[in-house]
Amino acid sequence: MPAVVTTENNKRTAILDIASDLFLAKGYAGASINEMYRRTGISKETFYRYFKDKEMLFLAVIDKELESYWQGLAILDEVQKEQDTRETLTRVGGDLIFYLSSKRVRLLRQLIFNECENHPLIGQLYYDHGPERAYRAFTAYFDHQKDKGLNWRFDSNTLAESFVALLLHKITLQQSCRIEDTASESSSHLLAGKIVDHFLNAYMLE
């Protein structure tokens, strides 16, 4: 059944919801624009008013799918001046592990990596709005930590890159290789706590 859409915002949202499902289910090449606008019940002319081509639509889908990732970083954007360092890093780290280990996100990342060769804009958008945004948020956080008088062994950018690597590299690699399945929210925060302890012991000066 076609989606029921009325307002302009609803039309765009309906297109993105259906496009997300089709891209994840059938891949970039297999997802049909014709099937997308048929499912939404929107005319072809209206469809192309929102998205001029398939690549632009996929870029918008990436934006949409990364929304939860951005929400997970919000705690760092706010810097959390009064919270304990371990508590903040464990909370954010656990949220990111939980989000990135979900089946939907794993399929999205696989789809993006498969398309980067032929559609460089897709890879650039994902990197800028995903990993790069995480690096910037953590760098700002560690800058603020230093302003509070906490001593670290390295500059804030190195700390950010090292923490993200410790936090996400092994778990995402294991899940990409299907060695580990989707992590639960509680296990994600438990794992993050262990990683944060190692990170603080290695990178924070007494």
N, C-alpha and C. Protein backbone atom coordinates (compact mmCIF):
# COMPACT_ATOMS: atom_id res chain seq x y z
N MET A 1 0.83 -1.19 0.00
CA MET A 1 0.00 0.00 0.00
C MET A 1 0.87 1.25 0.00
N PRO A 2 0.56 2.26 -0.83
CA PRO A 2 1.32 3.49 -0.80
C PRO A 2 1.18 4.19 0.54
N ALA A 3 2.25 4.91 0.95
CA ALA A 3 2.17 5.69 2.18
C ALA A 3 1.21 6.85 1.98
N VAL A 4 0.48 7.23 3.04
CA VAL A 4 -0.43 8.35 2.97
C VAL A 4 0.32 9.60 3.38
N VAL A 5 0.46 10.55 2.47
CA VAL A 5 1.22 11.76 2.75
C VAL A 5 0.37 12.97 2.40
N THR A 6 0.51 14.03 3.21
CA THR A 6 -0.28 15.23 2.97
C THR A 6 0.60 16.46 2.89
N THR A 7 1.23 16.85 3.98
CA THR A 7 2.05 18.06 3.97
C THR A 7 3.36 17.84 3.24
N GLU A 8 4.02 18.97 2.91
CA GLU A 8 5.30 18.88 2.21
C GLU A 8 6.33 18.12 3.04
N ASN A 9 6.35 18.40 4.35
CA ASN A 9 7.30 17.72 5.22
C ASN A 9 7.01 16.23 5.28
N ASN A 10 5.72 15.86 5.32
CA ASN A 10 5.36 14.44 5.34
C ASN A 10 5.78 13.73 4.06
N LYS A 11 5.68 14.42 2.93
CA LYS A 11 6.09 13.82 1.66
C LYS A 11 7.58 13.50 1.66
N ARG A 12 8.37 14.45 2.09
CA ARG A 12 9.82 14.23 2.12
C ARG A 12 10.17 13.11 3.09
N THR A 13 9.54 13.10 4.26
CA THR A 13 9.79 12.06 5.26
C THR A 13 9.39 10.69 4.73
N ALA A 14 8.25 10.62 4.04
CA ALA A 14 7.80 9.34 3.48
C ALA A 14 8.79 8.82 2.45
N ILE A 15 9.30 9.70 1.61
CA ILE A 15 10.29 9.30 0.61
C ILE A 15 11.54 8.75 1.28
N LEU A 16 12.04 9.45 2.29
CA LEU A 16 13.26 9.03 2.97
C LEU A 16 13.08 7.71 3.71
N ASP A 17 11.92 7.53 4.35
CA ASP A 17 11.67 6.28 5.08
C ASP A 17 11.67 5.08 4.12
N ILE A 18 10.98 5.22 3.02
CA ILE A 18 10.89 4.12 2.06
C ILE A 18 12.23 3.91 1.35
N ALA A 19 12.90 5.01 1.01
CA ALA A 19 14.21 4.90 0.36
C ALA A 19 15.21 4.20 1.27
N SER A 20 15.20 4.53 2.57
CA SER A 20 16.10 3.89 3.52
C SER A 20 15.90 2.37 3.51
N ASP A 21 14.65 1.95 3.62
CA ASP A 21 14.35 0.52 3.65
C ASP A 21 14.79 -0.18 2.36
N LEU A 22 14.53 0.45 1.22
CA LEU A 22 14.88 -0.17 -0.06
C LEU A 22 16.39 -0.22 -0.28
N PHE A 23 17.09 0.85 0.07
CA PHE A 23 18.56 0.84 -0.07
C PHE A 23 19.16 -0.25 0.79
N LEU A 24 18.71 -0.38 2.03
CA LEU A 24 19.26 -1.38 2.93
C LEU A 24 18.91 -2.80 2.49
N ALA A 25 17.72 -2.97 1.93
CA ALA A 25 17.27 -4.31 1.52
C ALA A 25 17.87 -4.75 0.19
N LYS A 26 18.01 -3.80 -0.75
CA LYS A 26 18.38 -4.17 -2.12
C LYS A 26 19.71 -3.60 -2.59
N GLY A 27 20.34 -2.78 -1.76
CA GLY A 27 21.58 -2.14 -2.19
C GLY A 27 21.30 -0.92 -3.04
N TYR A 28 22.35 -0.19 -3.34
CA TYR A 28 22.19 1.05 -4.11
C TYR A 28 21.68 0.78 -5.52
N ALA A 29 22.34 -0.16 -6.20
CA ALA A 29 21.96 -0.45 -7.59
C ALA A 29 20.58 -1.09 -7.68
N GLY A 30 20.25 -1.94 -6.70
CA GLY A 30 18.99 -2.67 -6.77
C GLY A 30 17.77 -1.87 -6.35
N ALA A 31 17.98 -0.77 -5.64
CA ALA A 31 16.85 0.05 -5.19
C ALA A 31 16.34 0.90 -6.35
N SER A 32 15.08 0.76 -6.66
CA SER A 32 14.48 1.43 -7.82
C SER A 32 13.77 2.72 -7.41
N ILE A 33 14.12 3.80 -8.09
CA ILE A 33 13.44 5.08 -7.87
C ILE A 33 11.95 4.93 -8.21
N ASN A 34 11.64 4.20 -9.27
CA ASN A 34 10.24 4.00 -9.65
C ASN A 34 9.45 3.31 -8.54
N GLU A 35 10.08 2.31 -7.90
CA GLU A 35 9.40 1.63 -6.80
C GLU A 35 9.22 2.56 -5.61
N MET A 36 10.18 3.43 -5.39
CA MET A 36 10.08 4.36 -4.26
C MET A 36 8.91 5.32 -4.42
N TYR A 37 8.77 5.92 -5.59
CA TYR A 37 7.68 6.89 -5.70
C TYR A 37 6.33 6.20 -5.82
N ARG A 38 6.31 4.94 -6.30
CA ARG A 38 5.04 4.19 -6.31
C ARG A 38 4.60 3.89 -4.88
N ARG A 39 5.55 3.49 -4.03
CA ARG A 39 5.22 3.14 -2.65
C ARG A 39 4.74 4.36 -1.85
N THR A 40 5.27 5.52 -2.14
CA THR A 40 4.84 6.71 -1.40
C THR A 40 3.52 7.26 -1.92
N GLY A 41 3.13 6.86 -3.13
CA GLY A 41 1.93 7.43 -3.72
C GLY A 41 2.13 8.84 -4.23
N ILE A 42 3.39 9.22 -4.39
CA ILE A 42 3.73 10.57 -4.85
C ILE A 42 4.07 10.49 -6.34
N SER A 43 3.69 11.48 -7.09
CA SER A 43 3.98 11.49 -8.52
C SER A 43 5.48 11.58 -8.77
N LYS A 44 5.89 11.12 -9.93
CA LYS A 44 7.30 11.16 -10.30
C LYS A 44 7.81 12.60 -10.31
N GLU A 45 7.00 13.52 -10.81
CA GLU A 45 7.40 14.92 -10.88
C GLU A 45 7.62 15.49 -9.48
N THR A 46 6.71 15.16 -8.56
CA THR A 46 6.85 15.63 -7.17
C THR A 46 8.08 15.02 -6.52
N PHE A 47 8.31 13.73 -6.78
CA PHE A 47 9.46 13.04 -6.22
C PHE A 47 10.76 13.75 -6.59
N TYR A 48 10.91 14.08 -7.86
CA TYR A 48 12.15 14.70 -8.32
C TYR A 48 12.25 16.18 -7.91
N ARG A 49 11.16 16.74 -7.42
CA ARG A 49 11.24 18.09 -6.89
C ARG A 49 12.02 18.09 -5.56
N TYR A 50 11.94 16.99 -4.84
CA TYR A 50 12.65 16.88 -3.57
C TYR A 50 14.09 16.40 -3.76
N PHE A 51 14.29 15.46 -4.67
CA PHE A 51 15.61 14.87 -4.86
C PHE A 51 15.86 14.76 -6.37
N LYS A 52 16.89 15.45 -6.84
CA LYS A 52 17.09 15.55 -8.28
C LYS A 52 17.60 14.25 -8.90
N ASP A 53 18.27 13.40 -8.09
CA ASP A 53 18.73 12.12 -8.63
C ASP A 53 18.93 11.13 -7.48
N LYS A 54 19.30 9.93 -7.84
CA LYS A 54 19.42 8.85 -6.87
C LYS A 54 20.53 9.11 -5.86
N GLU A 55 21.64 9.67 -6.32
CA GLU A 55 22.75 9.94 -5.42
C GLU A 55 22.36 10.97 -4.36
N MET A 56 21.68 12.04 -4.77
CA MET A 56 21.24 13.05 -3.82
C MET A 56 20.26 12.46 -2.80
N LEU A 57 19.42 11.55 -3.26
CA LEU A 57 18.49 10.89 -2.35
C LEU A 57 19.26 10.04 -1.34
N PHE A 58 20.27 9.32 -1.80
CA PHE A 58 21.04 8.48 -0.89
C PHE A 58 21.82 9.32 0.13
N LEU A 59 22.32 10.48 -0.30
CA LEU A 59 22.99 11.38 0.63
C LEU A 59 22.03 11.83 1.73
N ALA A 60 20.79 12.10 1.35
CA ALA A 60 19.78 12.51 2.33
C ALA A 60 19.44 11.35 3.27
N VAL A 61 19.44 10.13 2.74
CA VAL A 61 19.20 8.95 3.58
C VAL A 61 20.30 8.81 4.62
N ILE A 62 21.55 9.02 4.23
CA ILE A 62 22.66 8.94 5.18
C ILE A 62 22.47 9.97 6.29
N ASP A 63 22.11 11.20 5.90
CA ASP A 63 21.81 12.23 6.90
C ASP A 63 20.77 11.74 7.90
N LYS A 64 19.71 11.17 7.39
CA LYS A 64 18.61 10.70 8.23
C LYS A 64 19.07 9.58 9.16
N GLU A 65 19.80 8.62 8.61
CA GLU A 65 20.20 7.46 9.39
C GLU A 65 21.24 7.81 10.47
N LEU A 66 21.97 8.90 10.28
CA LEU A 66 22.98 9.30 11.26
C LEU A 66 22.40 10.14 12.40
N GLU A 67 21.11 10.38 12.36
CA GLU A 67 20.49 11.24 13.38
C GLU A 67 20.73 10.71 14.79
N SER A 68 20.59 9.40 14.99
CA SER A 68 20.82 8.82 16.31
C SER A 68 22.27 8.98 16.73
N TYR A 69 23.19 8.89 15.80
CA TYR A 69 24.61 9.06 16.07
C TYR A 69 24.86 10.47 16.59
N TRP A 70 24.25 11.46 15.92
CA TRP A 70 24.42 12.85 16.36
C TRP A 70 23.84 13.06 17.74
N GLN A 71 22.70 12.43 18.02
CA GLN A 71 22.10 12.57 19.34
C GLN A 71 23.01 11.99 20.42
N GLY A 72 23.70 10.90 20.09
CA GLY A 72 24.64 10.30 21.03
C GLY A 72 25.81 11.21 21.35
N LEU A 73 26.19 12.06 20.40
CA LEU A 73 27.30 12.99 20.61
C LEU A 73 26.86 14.28 21.30
N ALA A 74 25.56 14.47 21.47
CA ALA A 74 25.06 15.74 22.02
C ALA A 74 25.64 16.01 23.40
N ILE A 75 25.84 14.97 24.20
CA ILE A 75 26.38 15.16 25.54
C ILE A 75 27.77 15.80 25.48
N LEU A 76 28.53 15.49 24.43
CA LEU A 76 29.86 16.09 24.30
C LEU A 76 29.76 17.50 23.74
N ASP A 77 28.79 17.73 22.86
CA ASP A 77 28.58 19.08 22.35
C ASP A 77 28.27 20.04 23.50
N GLU A 78 27.58 19.54 24.52
CA GLU A 78 27.25 20.35 25.68
C GLU A 78 28.39 20.38 26.70
N VAL A 79 29.41 19.58 26.49
CA VAL A 79 30.64 19.49 27.27
C VAL A 79 30.45 18.89 28.67
N GLN A 80 29.26 19.00 29.26
CA GLN A 80 29.02 18.40 30.57
C GLN A 80 30.08 18.81 31.59
N LYS A 81 30.14 20.10 31.86
CA LYS A 81 31.22 20.66 32.68
C LYS A 81 31.31 20.05 34.08
N GLU A 82 30.20 19.69 34.66
CA GLU A 82 30.22 19.26 36.05
C GLU A 82 30.31 17.75 36.22
N GLN A 83 30.16 16.98 35.16
CA GLN A 83 30.15 15.53 35.30
C GLN A 83 31.56 14.97 35.39
N ASP A 84 31.67 13.84 36.06
CA ASP A 84 32.93 13.11 36.17
C ASP A 84 33.39 12.63 34.79
N THR A 85 34.69 12.69 34.54
CA THR A 85 35.24 12.33 33.23
C THR A 85 34.89 10.89 32.86
N ARG A 86 35.10 9.97 33.79
CA ARG A 86 34.81 8.56 33.49
C ARG A 86 33.33 8.37 33.20
N GLU A 87 32.48 9.01 33.98
CA GLU A 87 31.04 8.87 33.78
C GLU A 87 30.61 9.37 32.41
N THR A 88 31.15 10.53 32.02
CA THR A 88 30.78 11.11 30.72
C THR A 88 31.25 10.23 29.57
N LEU A 89 32.52 9.82 29.60
CA LEU A 89 33.06 9.02 28.50
C LEU A 89 32.39 7.65 28.43
N THR A 90 32.05 7.07 29.57
CA THR A 90 31.38 5.77 29.57
C THR A 90 29.97 5.88 29.00
N ARG A 91 29.27 6.93 29.38
CA ARG A 91 27.90 7.11 28.88
C ARG A 91 27.91 7.31 27.37
N VAL A 92 28.75 8.24 26.90
CA VAL A 92 28.80 8.51 25.46
C VAL A 92 29.33 7.30 24.71
N GLY A 93 30.39 6.70 25.23
CA GLY A 93 30.98 5.54 24.57
C GLY A 93 30.00 4.39 24.47
N GLY A 94 29.27 4.13 25.54
CA GLY A 94 28.28 3.05 25.51
C GLY A 94 27.17 3.32 24.51
N ASP A 95 26.72 4.58 24.44
CA ASP A 95 25.69 4.94 23.47
C ASP A 95 26.17 4.72 22.04
N LEU A 96 27.43 5.09 21.77
CA LEU A 96 27.96 4.94 20.41
C LEU A 96 28.15 3.47 20.04
N ILE A 97 28.67 2.67 20.96
CA ILE A 97 28.81 1.24 20.70
C ILE A 97 27.45 0.61 20.40
N PHE A 98 26.46 0.95 21.22
CA PHE A 98 25.12 0.39 21.05
C PHE A 98 24.53 0.80 19.70
N TYR A 99 24.69 2.07 19.34
CA TYR A 99 24.14 2.54 18.07
C TYR A 99 24.85 1.89 16.88
N LEU A 100 26.18 1.91 16.89
CA LEU A 100 26.93 1.43 15.74
C LEU A 100 26.88 -0.09 15.58
N SER A 101 26.52 -0.79 16.64
CA SER A 101 26.47 -2.26 16.54
C SER A 101 25.10 -2.77 16.11
N SER A 102 24.14 -1.87 15.93
CA SER A 102 22.81 -2.33 15.50
C SER A 102 22.88 -2.87 14.07
N LYS A 103 22.01 -3.81 13.78
CA LYS A 103 22.01 -4.43 12.45
C LYS A 103 21.77 -3.40 11.36
N ARG A 104 20.85 -2.46 11.60
CA ARG A 104 20.52 -1.46 10.59
C ARG A 104 21.74 -0.59 10.25
N VAL A 105 22.45 -0.16 11.27
CA VAL A 105 23.63 0.69 11.05
C VAL A 105 24.74 -0.11 10.39
N ARG A 106 24.89 -1.37 10.79
CA ARG A 106 25.90 -2.22 10.17
C ARG A 106 25.63 -2.38 8.68
N LEU A 107 24.37 -2.58 8.32
CA LEU A 107 24.00 -2.69 6.90
C LEU A 107 24.23 -1.37 6.16
N LEU A 108 23.92 -0.26 6.84
CA LEU A 108 24.13 1.05 6.22
C LEU A 108 25.61 1.30 5.94
N ARG A 109 26.47 1.00 6.91
CA ARG A 109 27.90 1.21 6.73
C ARG A 109 28.43 0.32 5.60
N GLN A 110 27.97 -0.92 5.56
CA GLN A 110 28.39 -1.82 4.48
C GLN A 110 27.97 -1.27 3.12
N LEU A 111 26.75 -0.76 3.06
CA LEU A 111 26.24 -0.18 1.82
C LEU A 111 27.06 1.04 1.40
N ILE A 112 27.38 1.90 2.35
CA ILE A 112 28.18 3.09 2.06
C ILE A 112 29.55 2.71 1.53
N PHE A 113 30.22 1.77 2.22
CA PHE A 113 31.56 1.37 1.81
C PHE A 113 31.55 0.72 0.42
N ASN A 114 30.48 0.00 0.10
CA ASN A 114 30.37 -0.62 -1.22
C ASN A 114 30.23 0.41 -2.33
N GLU A 115 29.65 1.56 -2.01
CA GLU A 115 29.35 2.57 -3.03
C GLU A 115 30.39 3.68 -3.13
N CYS A 116 31.34 3.71 -2.21
CA CYS A 116 32.31 4.82 -2.19
C CYS A 116 33.12 4.95 -3.47
N GLU A 117 33.46 3.82 -4.06
CA GLU A 117 34.30 3.83 -5.26
C GLU A 117 33.61 4.56 -6.40
N ASN A 118 32.34 4.28 -6.61
CA ASN A 118 31.61 4.87 -7.72
C ASN A 118 30.93 6.20 -7.37
N HIS A 119 30.73 6.43 -6.07
CA HIS A 119 30.03 7.65 -5.63
C HIS A 119 30.81 8.27 -4.46
N PRO A 120 31.91 8.96 -4.74
CA PRO A 120 32.76 9.51 -3.67
C PRO A 120 32.02 10.43 -2.71
N LEU A 121 31.00 11.14 -3.20
CA LEU A 121 30.26 12.05 -2.33
C LEU A 121 29.61 11.30 -1.17
N ILE A 122 29.20 10.06 -1.42
CA ILE A 122 28.54 9.26 -0.39
C ILE A 122 29.52 8.98 0.76
N GLY A 123 30.72 8.55 0.41
CA GLY A 123 31.73 8.29 1.44
C GLY A 123 32.13 9.55 2.18
N GLN A 124 32.27 10.65 1.45
CA GLN A 124 32.66 11.91 2.07
C GLN A 124 31.61 12.39 3.07
N LEU A 125 30.34 12.28 2.69
CA LEU A 125 29.27 12.71 3.58
C LEU A 125 29.25 11.87 4.86
N TYR A 126 29.37 10.56 4.70
CA TYR A 126 29.36 9.70 5.88
C TYR A 126 30.53 10.03 6.79
N TYR A 127 31.72 10.20 6.21
CA TYR A 127 32.90 10.47 7.04
C TYR A 127 32.77 11.81 7.77
N ASP A 128 32.32 12.83 7.04
CA ASP A 128 32.20 14.17 7.64
C ASP A 128 31.16 14.21 8.74
N HIS A 129 30.03 13.53 8.53
CA HIS A 129 28.92 13.63 9.48
C HIS A 129 28.92 12.50 10.51
N GLY A 130 29.80 11.54 10.34
CA GLY A 130 29.91 10.45 11.30
C GLY A 130 31.24 10.50 12.04
N PRO A 131 32.27 9.81 11.55
CA PRO A 131 33.56 9.78 12.26
C PRO A 131 34.17 11.15 12.51
N GLU A 132 34.19 12.02 11.51
CA GLU A 132 34.83 13.33 11.69
C GLU A 132 34.10 14.15 12.75
N ARG A 133 32.79 14.07 12.76
CA ARG A 133 32.04 14.81 13.79
C ARG A 133 32.36 14.26 15.18
N ALA A 134 32.54 12.96 15.28
CA ALA A 134 32.92 12.36 16.57
C ALA A 134 34.28 12.88 17.01
N TYR A 135 35.24 12.90 16.09
CA TYR A 135 36.57 13.41 16.43
C TYR A 135 36.50 14.85 16.93
N ARG A 136 35.73 15.69 16.23
CA ARG A 136 35.63 17.10 16.63
C ARG A 136 34.99 17.23 18.01
N ALA A 137 33.95 16.44 18.25
CA ALA A 137 33.26 16.52 19.54
C ALA A 137 34.17 16.09 20.68
N PHE A 138 34.89 14.98 20.50
CA PHE A 138 35.80 14.52 21.54
C PHE A 138 36.99 15.47 21.71
N THR A 139 37.48 16.03 20.62
CA THR A 139 38.58 17.00 20.71
C THR A 139 38.16 18.21 21.55
N ALA A 140 36.96 18.73 21.29
CA ALA A 140 36.44 19.85 22.06
C ALA A 140 36.30 19.47 23.53
N TYR A 141 35.86 18.23 23.77
CA TYR A 141 35.69 17.77 25.14
C TYR A 141 37.03 17.73 25.87
N PHE A 142 38.06 17.17 25.22
CA PHE A 142 39.36 17.09 25.88
C PHE A 142 40.00 18.48 26.03
N ASP A 143 39.75 19.38 25.10
CA ASP A 143 40.20 20.76 25.27
C ASP A 143 39.62 21.34 26.56
N HIS A 144 38.32 21.10 26.75
CA HIS A 144 37.67 21.62 27.95
C HIS A 144 38.22 20.97 29.22
N GLN A 145 38.54 19.68 29.12
CA GLN A 145 39.14 18.99 30.26
C GLN A 145 40.47 19.64 30.66
N LYS A 146 41.24 20.01 29.65
CA LYS A 146 42.53 20.65 29.94
C LYS A 146 42.32 22.04 30.54
N ASP A 147 41.29 22.74 30.07
CA ASP A 147 40.97 24.05 30.64
C ASP A 147 40.57 23.93 32.12
N LYS A 148 40.02 22.78 32.50
CA LYS A 148 39.64 22.55 33.89
C LYS A 148 40.84 22.17 34.76
N GLY A 149 42.00 21.98 34.11
CA GLY A 149 43.21 21.66 34.85
C GLY A 149 43.60 20.21 34.86
N LEU A 150 42.87 19.35 34.14
CA LEU A 150 43.24 17.94 34.06
C LEU A 150 44.42 17.76 33.12
N ASN A 151 45.34 16.89 33.48
CA ASN A 151 46.56 16.70 32.70
C ASN A 151 46.47 15.44 31.85
N TRP A 152 46.78 15.59 30.57
CA TRP A 152 46.76 14.48 29.63
C TRP A 152 48.12 14.35 28.96
N ARG A 153 48.43 13.16 28.49
CA ARG A 153 49.75 12.90 27.91
C ARG A 153 49.91 13.46 26.50
N PHE A 154 48.78 13.68 25.80
CA PHE A 154 48.87 14.08 24.41
C PHE A 154 47.94 15.26 24.14
N ASP A 155 48.02 15.81 22.92
CA ASP A 155 47.12 16.89 22.53
C ASP A 155 45.71 16.34 22.37
N SER A 156 44.74 17.25 22.38
CA SER A 156 43.33 16.85 22.40
C SER A 156 42.92 16.07 21.16
N ASN A 157 43.45 16.43 19.99
CA ASN A 157 43.10 15.71 18.77
C ASN A 157 43.58 14.26 18.81
N THR A 158 44.81 14.06 19.31
CA THR A 158 45.35 12.70 19.45
C THR A 158 44.53 11.90 20.44
N LEU A 159 44.13 12.54 21.54
CA LEU A 159 43.29 11.86 22.53
C LEU A 159 41.96 11.43 21.91
N ALA A 160 41.35 12.32 21.14
CA ALA A 160 40.06 12.02 20.51
C ALA A 160 40.19 10.83 19.57
N GLU A 161 41.19 10.86 18.69
CA GLU A 161 41.35 9.78 17.72
C GLU A 161 41.67 8.45 18.42
N SER A 162 42.49 8.52 19.47
CA SER A 162 42.86 7.30 20.20
C SER A 162 41.66 6.71 20.93
N PHE A 163 40.85 7.56 21.54
CA PHE A 163 39.69 7.07 22.29
C PHE A 163 38.68 6.43 21.34
N VAL A 164 38.39 7.09 20.23
CA VAL A 164 37.43 6.53 19.27
C VAL A 164 37.93 5.19 18.74
N ALA A 165 39.25 5.10 18.47
CA ALA A 165 39.81 3.84 17.98
C ALA A 165 39.66 2.73 19.01
N LEU A 166 40.01 3.02 20.26
CA LEU A 166 39.87 2.02 21.32
C LEU A 166 38.42 1.61 21.51
N LEU A 167 37.54 2.57 21.40
CA LEU A 167 36.13 2.34 21.67
C LEU A 167 35.46 1.49 20.59
N LEU A 168 35.76 1.78 19.33
CA LEU A 168 34.93 1.24 18.26
C LEU A 168 35.62 0.26 17.31
N HIS A 169 36.95 0.29 17.23
CA HIS A 169 37.60 -0.50 16.18
C HIS A 169 37.31 -2.00 16.33
N LYS A 170 37.58 -2.56 17.50
CA LYS A 170 37.47 -4.01 17.66
C LYS A 170 36.03 -4.49 17.53
N ILE A 171 35.10 -3.79 18.17
CA ILE A 171 33.71 -4.25 18.15
C ILE A 171 33.11 -4.15 16.75
N THR A 172 33.41 -3.07 16.02
CA THR A 172 32.85 -2.94 14.67
C THR A 172 33.50 -3.94 13.72
N LEU A 173 34.79 -4.21 13.91
CA LEU A 173 35.46 -5.22 13.08
C LEU A 173 34.87 -6.60 13.33
N GLN A 174 34.67 -6.95 14.59
CA GLN A 174 34.09 -8.25 14.91
C GLN A 174 32.69 -8.40 14.33
N GLN A 175 31.92 -7.34 14.41
CA GLN A 175 30.56 -7.43 13.90
C GLN A 175 30.51 -7.44 12.37
N SER A 176 31.43 -6.71 11.74
CA SER A 176 31.51 -6.75 10.28
C SER A 176 31.88 -8.14 9.80
N CYS A 177 32.70 -8.84 10.59
CA CYS A 177 33.11 -10.22 10.26
C CYS A 177 32.12 -11.25 10.79
N ARG A 178 31.04 -10.76 11.42
CA ARG A 178 29.98 -11.61 11.99
C ARG A 178 30.50 -12.52 13.09
N ILE A 179 31.56 -12.08 13.78
CA ILE A 179 32.08 -12.81 14.94
C ILE A 179 31.23 -12.51 16.17
N GLU A 180 30.79 -11.25 16.25
CA GLU A 180 29.92 -10.82 17.34
C GLU A 180 28.59 -10.36 16.76
N ASP A 181 27.52 -10.56 17.51
CA ASP A 181 26.21 -10.11 17.08
C ASP A 181 25.94 -8.73 17.68
N THR A 182 24.75 -8.21 17.45
CA THR A 182 24.38 -6.90 17.97
C THR A 182 24.52 -6.86 19.48
N ALA A 183 25.14 -5.80 19.99
CA ALA A 183 25.34 -5.64 21.43
C ALA A 183 24.09 -5.05 22.07
N SER A 184 23.79 -5.50 23.29
CA SER A 184 22.68 -4.92 24.03
C SER A 184 23.12 -3.58 24.62
N GLU A 185 22.14 -2.79 25.08
CA GLU A 185 22.48 -1.49 25.66
C GLU A 185 23.32 -1.66 26.92
N SER A 186 22.98 -2.62 27.76
CA SER A 186 23.73 -2.82 29.00
C SER A 186 25.15 -3.32 28.73
N SER A 187 25.29 -4.26 27.80
CA SER A 187 26.63 -4.78 27.48
C SER A 187 27.49 -3.72 26.80
N SER A 188 26.85 -2.83 26.03
CA SER A 188 27.58 -1.74 25.37
C SER A 188 28.20 -0.80 26.40
N HIS A 189 27.44 -0.46 27.44
CA HIS A 189 27.95 0.44 28.47
C HIS A 189 28.96 -0.26 29.38
N LEU A 190 28.79 -1.56 29.58
CA LEU A 190 29.78 -2.32 30.35
C LEU A 190 31.11 -2.35 29.62
N LEU A 191 31.06 -2.63 28.32
CA LEU A 191 32.28 -2.64 27.51
C LEU A 191 32.91 -1.26 27.48
N ALA A 192 32.10 -0.22 27.32
CA ALA A 192 32.64 1.15 27.29
C ALA A 192 33.34 1.48 28.59
N GLY A 193 32.77 1.07 29.72
CA GLY A 193 33.40 1.34 31.02
C GLY A 193 34.79 0.73 31.12
N LYS A 194 34.94 -0.50 30.63
CA LYS A 194 36.26 -1.15 30.66
C LYS A 194 37.25 -0.41 29.76
N ILE A 195 36.79 0.00 28.59
CA ILE A 195 37.66 0.72 27.66
C ILE A 195 38.07 2.08 28.23
N VAL A 196 37.12 2.77 28.86
CA VAL A 196 37.42 4.07 29.46
C VAL A 196 38.46 3.92 30.57
N ASP A 197 38.34 2.87 31.38
CA ASP A 197 39.33 2.65 32.44
C ASP A 197 40.73 2.49 31.85
N HIS A 198 40.86 1.69 30.79
CA HIS A 198 42.16 1.50 30.14
C HIS A 198 42.66 2.83 29.56
N PHE A 199 41.76 3.56 28.94
CA PHE A 199 42.12 4.83 28.32
C PHE A 199 42.62 5.83 29.36
N LEU A 200 41.91 5.98 30.45
CA LEU A 200 42.30 6.94 31.49
C LEU A 200 43.64 6.54 32.13
N ASN A 201 43.82 5.25 32.36
CA ASN A 201 45.09 4.79 32.93
C ASN A 201 46.28 5.06 32.02
N ALA A 202 46.04 4.93 30.71
CA ALA A 202 47.13 5.09 29.75
C ALA A 202 47.40 6.54 29.37
N TYR A 203 46.35 7.37 29.32
CA TYR A 203 46.49 8.70 28.73
C TYR A 203 46.40 9.86 29.72
N MET A 204 45.88 9.62 30.93
CA MET A 204 45.77 10.72 31.89
C MET A 204 46.96 10.70 32.83
N LEU A 205 47.58 11.87 33.04
CA LEU A 205 48.69 12.01 33.98
C LEU A 205 48.15 12.14 35.39
N GLU A 206 48.92 11.68 36.33
CA GLU A 206 48.52 11.82 37.76
C GLU A 206 48.55 13.29 38.17
